[in-house]
Amino acid sequence: MLLQISDNKTISMVQRDFSGYFPFLKIEFFDEPHKKMEGSKEIHRLREEELIGHIRQRHNTGMLEIHPLHTPYYIEKQLKNRYGLYVQVYRIGPDGWIQTAGSDLVTLGEQNEIARQEVESRHLETEVDFTDNEY
């Protein structure tokens, strides 16, 4: 996939593009960086309505090529180094969205598959038919 970064896009537009390719993952934007294998503090998460141009110092436009074999760490580092954006990749977990900080070296494809399986297992658990009272 190609993720277009430009000052006139909102955070939500970039998020939508990313999740369109990785439907069980999402990216969130923050106002401060984090280290490899480290999470970001939620109080520093930026609002989805923010324009990319308002949240960074480096105002270059470009396309970031993202493959399923890339890791969250690689994507986060590229967005930071190329575009001055601080992001964190999340995946769906048992209790909602979780940062991939502890699994930053597991590929996006694998992260997406782990999350897909989580969603399917939760979906199967909620499909139990309680109307049949026969034992």
Protein backbone atom coordinates (compact mmCIF):
# COMPACT_ATOMS: atom_id res chain seq x y z
CA MET A 1 0.00 0.00 0.00
CA LEU A 2 1.00 3.60 -0.45
CA LEU A 3 0.26 5.96 2.41
CA GLN A 4 0.13 9.55 1.20
CA ILE A 5 1.36 12.18 3.65
CA SER A 6 0.59 15.84 3.01
CA ASP A 7 -0.14 18.89 5.14
CA ASN A 8 -3.74 19.25 3.89
CA LYS A 9 -4.82 15.78 5.05
CA THR A 10 -6.34 15.21 8.46
CA ILE A 11 -5.18 12.54 10.86
CA SER A 12 -8.43 10.65 10.27
CA MET A 13 -7.80 10.58 6.50
CA VAL A 14 -4.39 8.97 7.00
CA GLN A 15 -5.84 6.57 9.56
CA ARG A 16 -8.62 5.55 7.17
CA ASP A 17 -6.10 4.87 4.39
CA PHE A 18 -3.96 2.70 6.69
CA SER A 19 -6.88 0.73 8.12
CA GLY A 20 -8.32 0.24 4.64
CA TYR A 21 -5.35 -1.99 3.93
CA PHE A 22 -4.95 -3.45 7.43
CA PRO A 23 -8.57 -3.62 8.69
CA PHE A 24 -7.69 -5.04 12.12
CA LEU A 25 -4.96 -2.46 12.80
CA LYS A 26 -4.98 1.29 13.24
CA ILE A 27 -2.49 4.08 13.75
CA GLU A 28 -2.77 6.88 16.27
CA PHE A 29 -0.79 10.13 16.22
CA PHE A 30 0.94 11.65 19.22
CA ASP A 31 2.65 14.94 20.07
CA GLU A 32 5.81 13.26 21.36
CA PRO A 33 8.00 10.37 20.21
CA HIS A 34 8.44 6.98 21.83
CA LYS A 35 11.26 4.46 21.79
CA LYS A 36 11.37 1.01 20.20
CA MET A 37 9.22 -1.49 22.13
CA GLU A 38 7.75 1.37 24.17
CA GLY A 39 4.15 2.53 24.29
CA SER A 40 2.85 6.08 23.92
CA LYS A 41 0.94 7.87 26.65
CA GLU A 42 -2.72 8.36 25.80
CA ILE A 43 -2.67 11.93 27.14
CA HIS A 44 -0.38 12.80 24.23
CA ARG A 45 -2.67 11.34 21.55
CA LEU A 46 -3.80 13.89 18.97
CA ARG A 47 -7.36 14.46 17.79
CA GLU A 48 -8.41 12.92 14.47
CA GLU A 49 -9.59 16.31 13.15
CA GLU A 50 -6.08 17.80 13.28
CA LEU A 51 -4.41 18.63 10.00
CA ILE A 52 -1.10 16.90 9.39
CA GLY A 53 0.40 20.32 8.64
CA HIS A 54 -0.45 21.53 12.15
CA ILE A 55 1.21 18.67 14.03
CA ARG A 56 4.70 18.55 12.54
CA GLN A 57 7.75 20.70 11.86
CA ARG A 58 8.92 18.90 8.71
CA HIS A 59 6.43 19.77 5.94
CA ASN A 60 7.50 17.50 3.09
CA THR A 61 4.88 15.62 1.08
CA GLY A 62 5.32 12.05 -0.04
CA MET A 63 4.20 8.47 -0.23
CA LEU A 64 5.28 5.85 2.27
CA GLU A 65 5.20 2.36 0.80
CA ILE A 66 3.96 -0.12 3.39
CA HIS A 67 4.04 -3.90 3.01
CA PRO A 68 2.62 -6.65 5.23
CA LEU A 69 6.22 -7.76 5.93
CA HIS A 70 7.08 -4.40 7.49
CA THR A 71 6.98 -4.16 11.27
CA PRO A 72 5.21 -1.52 13.34
CA TYR A 73 8.64 -0.33 14.45
CA TYR A 74 9.69 0.22 10.82
CA ILE A 75 6.51 2.16 9.95
CA GLU A 76 6.68 4.28 13.09
CA LYS A 77 10.36 5.07 12.46
CA GLN A 78 9.77 5.95 8.79
CA LEU A 79 6.90 8.30 9.62
CA LYS A 80 9.04 9.98 12.28
CA ASN A 81 12.21 10.31 10.19
CA ARG A 82 10.65 11.21 6.84
CA TYR A 83 7.64 13.28 7.89
CA GLY A 84 8.15 14.29 11.52
CA LEU A 85 5.09 12.33 12.67
CA TYR A 86 4.90 10.39 15.91
CA VAL A 87 2.62 7.39 15.49
CA GLN A 88 1.82 4.18 17.30
CA VAL A 89 0.35 1.08 15.64
CA TYR A 90 -2.56 -0.58 17.46
CA ARG A 91 -4.31 -3.91 16.94
CA ILE A 92 -7.57 -5.31 18.21
CA GLY A 93 -7.03 -7.36 21.35
CA PRO A 94 -9.24 -9.26 23.79
CA ASP A 95 -10.31 -6.06 25.57
CA GLY A 96 -10.26 -3.56 22.70
CA TRP A 97 -7.44 -1.70 20.96
CA ILE A 98 -3.91 -2.27 22.26
CA GLN A 99 -0.61 -0.69 21.29
CA THR A 100 1.74 -3.06 19.50
CA ALA A 101 4.68 -1.72 21.51
CA GLY A 102 5.51 -5.11 23.02
CA SER A 103 5.37 -6.73 19.60
CA ASP A 104 6.95 -3.97 17.50
CA LEU A 105 9.05 -6.54 15.63
CA VAL A 106 6.11 -8.75 14.56
CA THR A 107 5.11 -7.92 10.98
CA LEU A 108 2.01 -5.90 10.15
CA GLY A 109 0.63 -8.91 8.27
CA GLU A 110 1.04 -11.12 11.33
CA GLN A 111 -0.38 -8.44 13.64
CA ASN A 112 -3.40 -8.06 11.35
CA GLU A 113 -3.93 -11.85 11.32
CA ILE A 114 -3.67 -12.10 15.12
CA ALA A 115 -6.28 -9.36 15.45
CA ARG A 116 -8.53 -10.92 12.77
CA GLN A 117 -8.53 -14.20 14.69
CA GLU A 118 -9.36 -12.33 17.90
CA VAL A 119 -12.35 -10.66 16.24
CA GLU A 120 -13.57 -13.96 14.77
CA SER A 121 -13.27 -15.76 18.12
CA ARG A 122 -15.22 -12.99 19.88
CA HIS A 123 -17.82 -13.04 17.10
CA LEU A 124 -18.28 -16.82 17.49
CA GLU A 125 -18.68 -16.43 21.25
CA THR A 126 -21.48 -13.90 20.80
CA GLU A 127 -23.33 -16.00 18.22
CA VAL A 128 -24.51 -18.58 20.78
CA ASP A 129 -28.23 -19.22 20.30
CA PHE A 130 -29.94 -18.81 23.64
CA THR A 131 -33.48 -19.33 22.23
CA ASP A 132 -33.14 -23.13 22.10
CA ASN A 133 -33.85 -24.40 25.61
CA GLU A 134 -33.55 -28.12 24.78
CA TYR A 135 -30.64 -30.02 26.29
